[in-house]
Amino acid sequence: MPVRNIYHVAVVQALIADGWTISNDPFYLAYGGRELYIDIGAEKVTIAAERNNEKIAVEIKNFLHLSPVTDL
């Protein structure tokens, strides 16, 4: 499991303040033969003319170190 970024708590608080529910912390994803742990998975129910479930995955980067995962 990866180490959390120094901005992790601030990003989680901002998502919650914007009405998102944190559903995965971290969010596991297998893609292209790699196992990835995206920092945060969140979802939000939007009520408009119809109900739509919106989901996002947030990867927090500070660019202090090189990463083997780029441009996915």
PDB file of N, CA and C in Angstrom:
ATOM      1  N   MET A   1       0.847  -1.171   0.000  1.00  0.00           N
ATOM      2  CA  MET A   1       0.000   0.000   0.000  1.00  0.00           C
ATOM      3  C   MET A   1       0.898   1.241   0.000  1.00  0.00           C
ATOM      4  N   PRO A   2       0.628   2.202  -0.889  1.00  0.00           N
ATOM      5  CA  PRO A   2       1.482   3.376  -0.995  1.00  0.00           C
ATOM      6  C   PRO A   2       1.342   4.320   0.199  1.00  0.00           C
ATOM      7  N   VAL A   3       2.359   5.131   0.379  1.00  0.00           N
ATOM      8  CA  VAL A   3       2.346   6.145   1.433  1.00  0.00           C
ATOM      9  C   VAL A   3       1.472   7.306   0.978  1.00  0.00           C
ATOM     10  N   ARG A   4       0.733   7.893   1.903  1.00  0.00           N
ATOM     11  CA  ARG A   4      -0.134   9.015   1.555  1.00  0.00           C
ATOM     12  C   ARG A   4       0.672  10.281   1.294  1.00  0.00           C
ATOM     13  N   ASN A   5       0.218  11.039   0.332  1.00  0.00           N
ATOM     14  CA  ASN A   5       0.797  12.311  -0.040  1.00  0.00           C
ATOM     15  C   ASN A   5       0.547  13.328   1.074  1.00  0.00           C
ATOM     16  N   ILE A   6       1.405  14.337   1.191  1.00  0.00           N
ATOM     17  CA  ILE A   6       1.234  15.334   2.254  1.00  0.00           C
ATOM     18  C   ILE A   6      -0.036  16.160   2.081  1.00  0.00           C
ATOM     19  N   TYR A   7      -0.628  16.159   0.895  1.00  0.00           N
ATOM     20  CA  TYR A   7      -1.848  16.921   0.639  1.00  0.00           C
ATOM     21  C   TYR A   7      -3.113  16.083   0.785  1.00  0.00           C
ATOM     22  N   HIS A   8      -2.976  14.815   1.137  1.00  0.00           N
ATOM     23  CA  HIS A   8      -4.098  13.869   1.164  1.00  0.00           C
ATOM     24  C   HIS A   8      -5.268  14.375   2.013  1.00  0.00           C
ATOM     25  N   VAL A   9      -4.999  14.750   3.247  1.00  0.00           N
ATOM     26  CA  VAL A   9      -6.070  15.167   4.163  1.00  0.00           C
ATOM     27  C   VAL A   9      -6.778  16.410   3.630  1.00  0.00           C
ATOM     28  N   ALA A  10      -6.031  17.362   3.104  1.00  0.00           N
ATOM     29  CA  ALA A  10      -6.635  18.587   2.573  1.00  0.00           C
ATOM     30  C   ALA A  10      -7.546  18.290   1.385  1.00  0.00           C
ATOM     31  N   VAL A  11      -7.133  17.373   0.513  1.00  0.00           N
ATOM     32  CA  VAL A  11      -7.954  17.017  -0.647  1.00  0.00           C
ATOM     33  C   VAL A  11      -9.221  16.294  -0.202  1.00  0.00           C
ATOM     34  N   VAL A  12      -9.096  15.368   0.749  1.00  0.00           N
ATOM     35  CA  VAL A  12     -10.277  14.664   1.272  1.00  0.00           C
ATOM     36  C   VAL A  12     -11.254  15.670   1.876  1.00  0.00           C
ATOM     37  N   GLN A  13     -10.763  16.601   2.674  1.00  0.00           N
ATOM     38  CA  GLN A  13     -11.634  17.609   3.293  1.00  0.00           C
ATOM     39  C   GLN A  13     -12.318  18.480   2.242  1.00  0.00           C
ATOM     40  N   ALA A  14     -11.596  18.842   1.181  1.00  0.00           N
ATOM     41  CA  ALA A  14     -12.182  19.653   0.113  1.00  0.00           C
ATOM     42  C   ALA A  14     -13.274  18.888  -0.631  1.00  0.00           C
ATOM     43  N   LEU A  15     -13.051  17.601  -0.902  1.00  0.00           N
ATOM     44  CA  LEU A  15     -14.074  16.788  -1.569  1.00  0.00           C
ATOM     45  C   LEU A  15     -15.327  16.669  -0.708  1.00  0.00           C
ATOM     46  N   ILE A  16     -15.146  16.419   0.582  1.00  0.00           N
ATOM     47  CA  ILE A  16     -16.286  16.306   1.498  1.00  0.00           C
ATOM     48  C   ILE A  16     -17.039  17.633   1.570  1.00  0.00           C
ATOM     49  N   ALA A  17     -16.311  18.745   1.649  1.00  0.00           N
ATOM     50  CA  ALA A  17     -16.946  20.066   1.701  1.00  0.00           C
ATOM     51  C   ALA A  17     -17.752  20.356   0.437  1.00  0.00           C
ATOM     52  N   ASP A  18     -17.349  19.750  -0.688  1.00  0.00           N
ATOM     53  CA  ASP A  18     -18.057  19.946  -1.953  1.00  0.00           C
ATOM     54  C   ASP A  18     -19.207  18.955  -2.134  1.00  0.00           C
ATOM     55  N   GLY A  19     -19.461  18.128  -1.120  1.00  0.00           N
ATOM     56  CA  GLY A  19     -20.599  17.217  -1.185  1.00  0.00           C
ATOM     57  C   GLY A  19     -20.285  15.805  -1.629  1.00  0.00           C
ATOM     58  N   TRP A  20     -19.007  15.463  -1.800  1.00  0.00           N
ATOM     59  CA  TRP A  20     -18.627  14.112  -2.200  1.00  0.00           C
ATOM     60  C   TRP A  20     -18.577  13.198  -0.988  1.00  0.00           C
ATOM     61  N   THR A  21     -18.873  11.927  -1.190  1.00  0.00           N
ATOM     62  CA  THR A  21     -18.726  10.889  -0.177  1.00  0.00           C
ATOM     63  C   THR A  21     -17.496  10.069  -0.541  1.00  0.00           C
ATOM     64  N   ILE A  22     -16.560   9.955   0.386  1.00  0.00           N
ATOM     65  CA  ILE A  22     -15.350   9.175   0.134  1.00  0.00           C
ATOM     66  C   ILE A  22     -15.717   7.703   0.255  1.00  0.00           C
ATOM     67  N   SER A  23     -15.604   6.965  -0.841  1.00  0.00           N
ATOM     68  CA  SER A  23     -16.012   5.558  -0.854  1.00  0.00           C
ATOM     69  C   SER A  23     -14.826   4.605  -0.768  1.00  0.00           C
ATOM     70  N   ASN A  24     -13.674   5.033  -1.209  1.00  0.00           N
ATOM     71  CA  ASN A  24     -12.471   4.195  -1.174  1.00  0.00           C
ATOM     72  C   ASN A  24     -11.267   5.074  -0.846  1.00  0.00           C
ATOM     73  N   ASP A  25     -10.481   4.645   0.117  1.00  0.00           N
ATOM     74  CA  ASP A  25      -9.306   5.428   0.520  1.00  0.00           C
ATOM     75  C   ASP A  25      -8.212   4.479   0.967  1.00  0.00           C
ATOM     76  N   PRO A  26      -7.421   3.924   0.027  1.00  0.00           N
ATOM     77  CA  PRO A  26      -7.297   4.229  -1.392  1.00  0.00           C
ATOM     78  C   PRO A  26      -8.268   3.412  -2.249  1.00  0.00           C
ATOM     79  N   PHE A  27      -8.312   3.740  -3.534  1.00  0.00           N
ATOM     80  CA  PHE A  27      -9.150   3.061  -4.515  1.00  0.00           C
ATOM     81  C   PHE A  27      -8.268   2.116  -5.325  1.00  0.00           C
ATOM     82  N   TYR A  28      -8.529   0.811  -5.255  1.00  0.00           N
ATOM     83  CA  TYR A  28      -7.729  -0.201  -5.957  1.00  0.00           C
ATOM     84  C   TYR A  28      -8.218  -0.333  -7.390  1.00  0.00           C
ATOM     85  N   LEU A  29      -7.278  -0.404  -8.327  1.00  0.00           N
ATOM     86  CA  LEU A  29      -7.606  -0.540  -9.733  1.00  0.00           C
ATOM     87  C   LEU A  29      -6.539  -1.387 -10.413  1.00  0.00           C
ATOM     88  N   ALA A  30      -6.957  -2.395 -11.162  1.00  0.00           N
ATOM     89  CA  ALA A  30      -6.025  -3.188 -11.969  1.00  0.00           C
ATOM     90  C   ALA A  30      -6.178  -2.719 -13.409  1.00  0.00           C
ATOM     91  N   TYR A  31      -5.036  -2.342 -14.040  1.00  0.00           N
ATOM     92  CA  TYR A  31      -5.085  -1.824 -15.405  1.00  0.00           C
ATOM     93  C   TYR A  31      -3.776  -2.145 -16.116  1.00  0.00           C
ATOM     94  N   GLY A  32      -3.868  -2.705 -17.303  1.00  0.00           N
ATOM     95  CA  GLY A  32      -2.682  -2.967 -18.114  1.00  0.00           C
ATOM     96  C   GLY A  32      -1.657  -3.856 -17.441  1.00  0.00           C
ATOM     97  N   GLY A  33      -2.106  -4.843 -16.680  1.00  0.00           N
ATOM     98  CA  GLY A  33      -1.186  -5.738 -15.997  1.00  0.00           C
ATOM     99  C   GLY A  33      -0.563  -5.150 -14.740  1.00  0.00           C
ATOM    100  N   ARG A  34      -0.999  -3.980 -14.341  1.00  0.00           N
ATOM    101  CA  ARG A  34      -0.489  -3.347 -13.121  1.00  0.00           C
ATOM    102  C   ARG A  34      -1.599  -3.272 -12.077  1.00  0.00           C
ATOM    103  N   GLU A  35      -1.185  -3.310 -10.835  1.00  0.00           N
ATOM    104  CA  GLU A  35      -2.111  -3.069  -9.734  1.00  0.00           C
ATOM    105  C   GLU A  35      -1.854  -1.660  -9.234  1.00  0.00           C
ATOM    106  N   LEU A  36      -2.888  -0.829  -9.272  1.00  0.00           N
ATOM    107  CA  LEU A  36      -2.751   0.575  -8.907  1.00  0.00           C
ATOM    108  C   LEU A  36      -3.574   0.880  -7.666  1.00  0.00           C
ATOM    109  N   TYR A  37      -3.088   1.776  -6.864  1.00  0.00           N
ATOM    110  CA  TYR A  37      -3.836   2.293  -5.727  1.00  0.00           C
ATOM    111  C   TYR A  37      -3.987   3.793  -5.936  1.00  0.00           C
ATOM    112  N   ILE A  38      -5.150   4.201  -6.421  1.00  0.00           N
ATOM    113  CA  ILE A  38      -5.448   5.613  -6.603  1.00  0.00           C
ATOM    114  C   ILE A  38      -5.806   6.161  -5.229  1.00  0.00           C
ATOM    115  N   ASP A  39      -5.347   7.363  -4.930  1.00  0.00           N
ATOM    116  CA  ASP A  39      -5.451   7.895  -3.576  1.00  0.00           C
ATOM    117  C   ASP A  39      -6.862   7.877  -3.005  1.00  0.00           C
ATOM    118  N   ILE A  40      -7.840   8.339  -3.763  1.00  0.00           N
ATOM    119  CA  ILE A  40      -9.187   8.497  -3.215  1.00  0.00           C
ATOM    120  C   ILE A  40     -10.222   8.107  -4.261  1.00  0.00           C
ATOM    121  N   GLY A  41     -11.227   7.358  -3.857  1.00  0.00           N
ATOM    122  CA  GLY A  41     -12.408   7.130  -4.677  1.00  0.00           C
ATOM    123  C   GLY A  41     -13.556   7.848  -3.999  1.00  0.00           C
ATOM    124  N   ALA A  42     -14.369   8.571  -4.764  1.00  0.00           N
ATOM    125  CA  ALA A  42     -15.471   9.324  -4.172  1.00  0.00           C
ATOM    126  C   ALA A  42     -16.681   9.250  -5.086  1.00  0.00           C
ATOM    127  N   GLU A  43     -17.838   9.456  -4.513  1.00  0.00           N
ATOM    128  CA  GLU A  43     -19.051   9.484  -5.318  1.00  0.00           C
ATOM    129  C   GLU A  43     -19.995  10.550  -4.812  1.00  0.00           C
ATOM    130  N   LYS A  44     -20.868  10.993  -5.709  1.00  0.00           N
ATOM    131  CA  LYS A  44     -21.784  12.077  -5.390  1.00  0.00           C
ATOM    132  C   LYS A  44     -23.066  11.839  -6.170  1.00  0.00           C
ATOM    133  N   VAL A  45     -24.177  11.959  -5.513  1.00  0.00           N
ATOM    134  CA  VAL A  45     -25.468  11.834  -6.191  1.00  0.00           C
ATOM    135  C   VAL A  45     -25.921  13.236  -6.577  1.00  0.00           C
ATOM    136  N   THR A  46     -26.167  13.433  -7.855  1.00  0.00           N
ATOM    137  CA  THR A  46     -26.617  14.726  -8.354  1.00  0.00           C
ATOM    138  C   THR A  46     -28.086  14.621  -8.710  1.00  0.00           C
ATOM    139  N   ILE A  47     -28.885  15.529  -8.217  1.00  0.00           N
ATOM    140  CA  ILE A  47     -30.312  15.534  -8.533  1.00  0.00           C
ATOM    141  C   ILE A  47     -30.571  16.683  -9.500  1.00  0.00           C
ATOM    142  N   ALA A  48     -31.017  16.359 -10.696  1.00  0.00           N
ATOM    143  CA  ALA A  48     -31.351  17.378 -11.694  1.00  0.00           C
ATOM    144  C   ALA A  48     -32.679  16.951 -12.300  1.00  0.00           C
ATOM    145  N   ALA A  49     -32.791  16.911 -13.611  1.00  0.00           N
ATOM    146  CA  ALA A  49     -34.002  16.425 -14.251  1.00  0.00           C
ATOM    147  C   ALA A  49     -34.164  14.936 -13.988  1.00  0.00           C
ATOM    148  N   GLU A  50     -33.064  14.280 -13.791  1.00  0.00           N
ATOM    149  CA  GLU A  50     -33.076  12.876 -13.423  1.00  0.00           C
ATOM    150  C   GLU A  50     -31.944  12.630 -12.451  1.00  0.00           C
ATOM    151  N   ARG A  51     -31.910  11.459 -11.839  1.00  0.00           N
ATOM    152  CA  ARG A  51     -30.850  11.145 -10.878  1.00  0.00           C
ATOM    153  C   ARG A  51     -29.700  10.458 -11.592  1.00  0.00           C
ATOM    154  N   ASN A  52     -28.525  10.958 -11.372  1.00  0.00           N
ATOM    155  CA  ASN A  52     -27.316  10.372 -11.957  1.00  0.00           C
ATOM    156  C   ASN A  52     -26.302  10.153 -10.850  1.00  0.00           C
ATOM    157  N   ASN A  53     -25.712   8.994 -10.829  1.00  0.00           N
ATOM    158  CA  ASN A  53     -24.615   8.757  -9.883  1.00  0.00           C
ATOM    159  C   ASN A  53     -23.323   9.160 -10.562  1.00  0.00           C
ATOM    160  N   GLU A  54     -22.579  10.033  -9.928  1.00  0.00           N
ATOM    161  CA  GLU A  54     -21.272  10.442 -10.425  1.00  0.00           C
ATOM    162  C   GLU A  54     -20.213   9.816  -9.546  1.00  0.00           C
ATOM    163  N   LYS A  55     -19.145   9.340 -10.149  1.00  0.00           N
ATOM    164  CA  LYS A  55     -18.035   8.773  -9.390  1.00  0.00           C
ATOM    165  C   LYS A  55     -16.729   9.329  -9.931  1.00  0.00           C
ATOM    166  N   ILE A  56     -15.785   9.561  -9.043  1.00  0.00           N
ATOM    167  CA  ILE A  56     -14.472  10.030  -9.457  1.00  0.00           C
ATOM    168  C   ILE A  56     -13.399   9.244  -8.726  1.00  0.00           C
ATOM    169  N   ALA A  57     -12.222   9.202  -9.305  1.00  0.00           N
ATOM    170  CA  ALA A  57     -11.030   8.675  -8.642  1.00  0.00           C
ATOM    171  C   ALA A  57      -9.998   9.793  -8.685  1.00  0.00           C
ATOM    172  N   VAL A  58      -9.396  10.098  -7.552  1.00  0.00           N
ATOM    173  CA  VAL A  58      -8.475  11.230  -7.441  1.00  0.00           C
ATOM    174  C   VAL A  58      -7.091  10.720  -7.084  1.00  0.00           C
ATOM    175  N   GLU A  59      -6.109  11.034  -7.913  1.00  0.00           N
ATOM    176  CA  GLU A  59      -4.717  10.721  -7.632  1.00  0.00           C
ATOM    177  C   GLU A  59      -4.017  12.023  -7.288  1.00  0.00           C
ATOM    178  N   ILE A  60      -3.414  12.079  -6.115  1.00  0.00           N
ATOM    179  CA  ILE A  60      -2.769  13.295  -5.639  1.00  0.00           C
ATOM    180  C   ILE A  60      -1.273  13.192  -5.915  1.00  0.00           C
ATOM    181  N   LYS A  61      -0.737  14.159  -6.619  1.00  0.00           N
ATOM    182  CA  LYS A  61       0.687  14.161  -6.963  1.00  0.00           C
ATOM    183  C   LYS A  61       1.333  15.453  -6.501  1.00  0.00           C
ATOM    184  N   ASN A  62       2.560  15.341  -6.007  1.00  0.00           N
ATOM    185  CA  ASN A  62       3.317  16.537  -5.652  1.00  0.00           C
ATOM    186  C   ASN A  62       4.568  16.675  -6.510  1.00  0.00           C
ATOM    187  N   PHE A  63       4.855  15.713  -7.369  1.00  0.00           N
ATOM    188  CA  PHE A  63       5.964  15.736  -8.314  1.00  0.00           C
ATOM    189  C   PHE A  63       7.331  15.849  -7.646  1.00  0.00           C
ATOM    190  N   LEU A  64       7.467  15.291  -6.454  1.00  0.00           N
ATOM    191  CA  LEU A  64       8.754  15.285  -5.773  1.00  0.00           C
ATOM    192  C   LEU A  64       9.626  14.113  -6.200  1.00  0.00           C
ATOM    193  N   HIS A  65       8.989  13.020  -6.675  1.00  0.00           N
ATOM    194  CA  HIS A  65       9.723  11.818  -7.066  1.00  0.00           C
ATOM    195  C   HIS A  65       9.187  11.308  -8.400  1.00  0.00           C
ATOM    196  N   LEU A  66       9.989  10.559  -9.125  1.00  0.00           N
ATOM    197  CA  LEU A  66       9.547   9.943 -10.370  1.00  0.00           C
ATOM    198  C   LEU A  66       8.554   8.831 -10.072  1.00  0.00           C
ATOM    199  N   SER A  67       7.638   8.580 -11.000  1.00  0.00           N
ATOM    200  CA  SER A  67       6.644   7.528 -10.847  1.00  0.00           C
ATOM    201  C   SER A  67       6.715   6.595 -12.049  1.00  0.00           C
ATOM    202  N   PRO A  68       6.615   5.261 -11.826  1.00  0.00           N
ATOM    203  CA  PRO A  68       6.618   4.330 -12.957  1.00  0.00           C
ATOM    204  C   PRO A  68       5.298   4.338 -13.721  1.00  0.00           C
ATOM    205  N   VAL A  69       4.278   4.991 -13.192  1.00  0.00           N
ATOM    206  CA  VAL A  69       2.966   5.038 -13.825  1.00  0.00           C
ATOM    207  C   VAL A  69       2.743   6.451 -14.360  1.00  0.00           C
ATOM    208  N   THR A  70       2.723   6.574 -15.691  1.00  0.00           N
ATOM    209  CA  THR A  70       2.489   7.880 -16.307  1.00  0.00           C
ATOM    210  C   THR A  70       1.525   7.733 -17.461  1.00  0.00           C
ATOM    211  N   ASP A  71       0.787   8.763 -17.720  1.00  0.00           N
ATOM    212  CA  ASP A  71      -0.094   8.842 -18.888  1.00  0.00           C
ATOM    213  C   ASP A  71      -1.022   7.648 -19.046  1.00  0.00           C
ATOM    214  N   LEU A  72      -1.658   7.217 -17.975  1.00  0.00           N
ATOM    215  CA  LEU A  72      -2.621   6.118 -18.100  1.00  0.00           C
ATOM    216  C   LEU A  72      -3.949   6.639 -18.563  1.00  0.00           C
TER     217      LEU A  72
END
